[in-house]
């Protein structure tokens, strides 16, 4: 399997989505509580899709690599 090309921006967007999810899960369930997570997740997914298209990489492979990298400390 070929090495997946990632950018720091993709990893940062995914980390922002993970952080927003943690914050949403710690609060009372409401649309307002989850909106930051939804916004961050859409931004991350959009960036992943665009990066995969521009680099000719498989979108799912890029997403999996981004998620792995975002969870590394």
N, C-alpha and C. Protein backbone atom coordinates (compact mmCIF):
# COMPACT_ATOMS: atom_id res chain seq x y z
N UNK A 1 0.84 -1.18 0.00
CA UNK A 1 0.00 0.00 0.00
C UNK A 1 0.88 1.24 0.00
N UNK A 2 0.52 2.19 -0.83
CA UNK A 2 1.30 3.42 -0.96
C UNK A 2 1.11 4.31 0.27
N UNK A 3 2.12 5.08 0.55
CA UNK A 3 2.06 6.04 1.65
C UNK A 3 1.01 7.10 1.33
N UNK A 4 0.16 7.40 2.29
CA UNK A 4 -0.88 8.42 2.12
C UNK A 4 -0.28 9.78 2.46
N UNK A 5 -0.45 10.72 1.54
CA UNK A 5 0.03 12.08 1.75
C UNK A 5 -1.00 12.87 2.56
N UNK A 6 -0.56 13.41 3.69
CA UNK A 6 -1.43 14.22 4.53
C UNK A 6 -0.83 15.60 4.73
N UNK A 7 -1.67 16.51 5.17
CA UNK A 7 -1.17 17.83 5.54
C UNK A 7 -1.46 18.06 7.03
N UNK A 8 -0.72 18.96 7.62
CA UNK A 8 -0.96 19.31 9.02
C UNK A 8 -2.35 19.90 9.20
N UNK A 9 -2.83 20.61 8.18
CA UNK A 9 -4.17 21.21 8.25
C UNK A 9 -5.25 20.14 8.39
N UNK A 10 -5.13 19.05 7.62
CA UNK A 10 -6.12 17.98 7.71
C UNK A 10 -6.16 17.39 9.11
N UNK A 11 -5.01 17.15 9.67
CA UNK A 11 -4.93 16.57 11.02
C UNK A 11 -5.49 17.56 12.04
N UNK A 12 -5.18 18.83 11.89
CA UNK A 12 -5.68 19.84 12.82
C UNK A 12 -7.21 19.94 12.74
N UNK A 13 -7.77 19.85 11.55
CA UNK A 13 -9.23 19.90 11.41
C UNK A 13 -9.88 18.70 12.07
N UNK A 14 -9.30 17.53 11.91
CA UNK A 14 -9.85 16.33 12.55
C UNK A 14 -9.73 16.43 14.07
N UNK A 15 -8.61 16.95 14.56
CA UNK A 15 -8.45 17.12 16.01
C UNK A 15 -9.48 18.11 16.55
N UNK A 16 -9.78 19.15 15.79
CA UNK A 16 -10.79 20.12 16.22
C UNK A 16 -12.17 19.44 16.30
N UNK A 17 -12.46 18.56 15.35
CA UNK A 17 -13.73 17.84 15.37
C UNK A 17 -13.79 16.89 16.58
N UNK A 18 -12.69 16.23 16.87
CA UNK A 18 -12.65 15.34 18.03
C UNK A 18 -12.86 16.12 19.34
N UNK A 19 -12.21 17.27 19.43
CA UNK A 19 -12.35 18.10 20.63
C UNK A 19 -13.79 18.60 20.77
N UNK A 20 -14.38 19.03 19.67
CA UNK A 20 -15.76 19.51 19.71
C UNK A 20 -16.72 18.39 20.10
N UNK A 21 -16.44 17.18 19.66
CA UNK A 21 -17.27 16.03 20.04
C UNK A 21 -17.18 15.76 21.54
N UNK A 22 -15.95 15.79 22.06
CA UNK A 22 -15.78 15.59 23.51
C UNK A 22 -16.56 16.62 24.31
N UNK A 23 -16.46 17.88 23.87
CA UNK A 23 -17.16 18.95 24.57
C UNK A 23 -18.68 18.77 24.48
N UNK A 24 -19.16 18.37 23.32
CA UNK A 24 -20.60 18.17 23.14
C UNK A 24 -21.10 17.02 24.01
N UNK A 25 -20.31 15.97 24.11
CA UNK A 25 -20.73 14.81 24.90
C UNK A 25 -20.74 15.10 26.39
N UNK A 26 -20.01 16.10 26.81
CA UNK A 26 -19.95 16.41 28.24
C UNK A 26 -21.09 17.32 28.68
N UNK A 27 -21.84 17.84 27.72
CA UNK A 27 -22.93 18.75 28.06
C UNK A 27 -24.29 18.10 27.92
N UNK A 28 -25.30 18.89 28.16
CA UNK A 28 -26.68 18.45 27.99
C UNK A 28 -26.97 18.38 26.50
N UNK A 29 -27.70 17.35 26.08
CA UNK A 29 -27.99 17.19 24.66
C UNK A 29 -28.89 18.31 24.17
N UNK A 30 -28.42 19.00 23.14
CA UNK A 30 -29.21 20.02 22.45
C UNK A 30 -28.55 20.32 21.12
N UNK A 31 -29.31 20.91 20.24
CA UNK A 31 -28.77 21.29 18.93
C UNK A 31 -27.59 22.24 19.10
N UNK A 32 -27.73 23.18 20.02
CA UNK A 32 -26.67 24.17 20.24
C UNK A 32 -25.39 23.53 20.77
N UNK A 33 -25.55 22.50 21.58
CA UNK A 33 -24.39 21.81 22.15
C UNK A 33 -23.61 21.08 21.06
N UNK A 34 -24.32 20.48 20.12
CA UNK A 34 -23.69 19.67 19.08
C UNK A 34 -23.31 20.46 17.83
N UNK A 35 -23.80 21.67 17.67
CA UNK A 35 -23.51 22.45 16.45
C UNK A 35 -22.01 22.65 16.20
N UNK A 36 -21.19 22.98 17.20
CA UNK A 36 -19.75 23.12 16.94
C UNK A 36 -19.12 21.83 16.40
N UNK A 37 -19.56 20.68 16.92
CA UNK A 37 -19.04 19.40 16.41
C UNK A 37 -19.45 19.21 14.96
N UNK A 38 -20.71 19.47 14.63
CA UNK A 38 -21.18 19.31 13.27
C UNK A 38 -20.40 20.21 12.32
N UNK A 39 -20.22 21.45 12.71
CA UNK A 39 -19.47 22.40 11.88
C UNK A 39 -18.02 21.94 11.68
N UNK A 40 -17.38 21.51 12.75
CA UNK A 40 -15.99 21.04 12.66
C UNK A 40 -15.89 19.76 11.83
N UNK A 41 -16.85 18.87 11.99
CA UNK A 41 -16.83 17.61 11.24
C UNK A 41 -17.03 17.85 9.75
N UNK A 42 -17.94 18.75 9.41
CA UNK A 42 -18.16 19.08 8.00
C UNK A 42 -16.89 19.69 7.40
N UNK A 43 -16.24 20.57 8.14
CA UNK A 43 -15.00 21.18 7.65
C UNK A 43 -13.92 20.12 7.41
N UNK A 44 -13.78 19.19 8.35
CA UNK A 44 -12.77 18.13 8.21
C UNK A 44 -13.09 17.24 7.02
N UNK A 45 -14.33 16.80 6.89
CA UNK A 45 -14.72 15.91 5.80
C UNK A 45 -14.58 16.59 4.44
N UNK A 46 -14.93 17.85 4.37
CA UNK A 46 -14.80 18.60 3.12
C UNK A 46 -13.34 18.71 2.72
N UNK A 47 -12.48 19.01 3.68
CA UNK A 47 -11.05 19.14 3.41
C UNK A 47 -10.45 17.80 2.99
N UNK A 48 -10.86 16.72 3.64
CA UNK A 48 -10.36 15.38 3.29
C UNK A 48 -10.76 15.04 1.86
N UNK A 49 -12.02 15.27 1.52
CA UNK A 49 -12.50 14.97 0.17
C UNK A 49 -11.74 15.77 -0.87
N UNK A 50 -11.56 17.06 -0.62
CA UNK A 50 -10.86 17.92 -1.57
C UNK A 50 -9.39 17.51 -1.71
N UNK A 51 -8.75 17.19 -0.59
CA UNK A 51 -7.35 16.76 -0.63
C UNK A 51 -7.20 15.47 -1.44
N UNK A 52 -8.09 14.53 -1.20
CA UNK A 52 -8.04 13.26 -1.93
C UNK A 52 -8.23 13.51 -3.43
N UNK A 53 -9.16 14.37 -3.78
CA UNK A 53 -9.41 14.68 -5.19
C UNK A 53 -8.19 15.33 -5.83
N UNK A 54 -7.61 16.31 -5.14
CA UNK A 54 -6.47 17.04 -5.70
C UNK A 54 -5.22 16.17 -5.83
N UNK A 55 -5.05 15.22 -4.93
CA UNK A 55 -3.83 14.40 -4.94
C UNK A 55 -4.03 13.05 -5.64
N UNK A 56 -5.28 12.74 -6.03
CA UNK A 56 -5.55 11.49 -6.70
C UNK A 56 -5.50 10.28 -5.78
N UNK A 57 -5.67 10.52 -4.48
CA UNK A 57 -5.65 9.43 -3.51
C UNK A 57 -7.08 8.97 -3.23
N UNK A 58 -7.20 7.75 -2.74
CA UNK A 58 -8.50 7.22 -2.35
C UNK A 58 -9.00 7.98 -1.13
N UNK A 59 -10.23 8.49 -1.20
CA UNK A 59 -10.76 9.32 -0.13
C UNK A 59 -10.86 8.58 1.20
N UNK A 60 -11.28 7.33 1.17
CA UNK A 60 -11.41 6.55 2.40
C UNK A 60 -10.03 6.31 3.02
N UNK A 61 -9.04 6.04 2.19
CA UNK A 61 -7.68 5.84 2.71
C UNK A 61 -7.16 7.12 3.36
N UNK A 62 -7.44 8.25 2.74
CA UNK A 62 -7.01 9.53 3.30
C UNK A 62 -7.71 9.76 4.64
N UNK A 63 -9.02 9.53 4.68
CA UNK A 63 -9.76 9.73 5.93
C UNK A 63 -9.23 8.84 7.05
N UNK A 64 -8.98 7.59 6.75
CA UNK A 64 -8.47 6.67 7.77
C UNK A 64 -7.11 7.13 8.28
N UNK A 65 -6.23 7.58 7.36
CA UNK A 65 -4.91 8.05 7.77
C UNK A 65 -5.01 9.32 8.61
N UNK A 66 -5.92 10.21 8.25
CA UNK A 66 -6.12 11.44 9.01
C UNK A 66 -6.61 11.11 10.42
N UNK A 67 -7.57 10.21 10.52
CA UNK A 67 -8.10 9.83 11.84
C UNK A 67 -7.02 9.20 12.71
N UNK A 68 -6.20 8.35 12.12
CA UNK A 68 -5.09 7.75 12.88
C UNK A 68 -4.12 8.82 13.37
N UNK A 69 -3.74 9.72 12.47
CA UNK A 69 -2.78 10.79 12.81
C UNK A 69 -3.35 11.73 13.87
N UNK A 70 -4.65 12.02 13.78
CA UNK A 70 -5.27 12.95 14.74
C UNK A 70 -5.31 12.36 16.15
N UNK A 71 -5.36 11.06 16.24
CA UNK A 71 -5.44 10.41 17.56
C UNK A 71 -4.06 10.18 18.18
N UNK A 72 -3.01 10.35 17.38
CA UNK A 72 -1.65 10.23 17.93
C UNK A 72 -1.34 11.47 18.76
N UNK A 73 -0.53 11.27 19.78
CA UNK A 73 -0.17 12.43 20.61
C UNK A 73 1.23 12.88 20.33
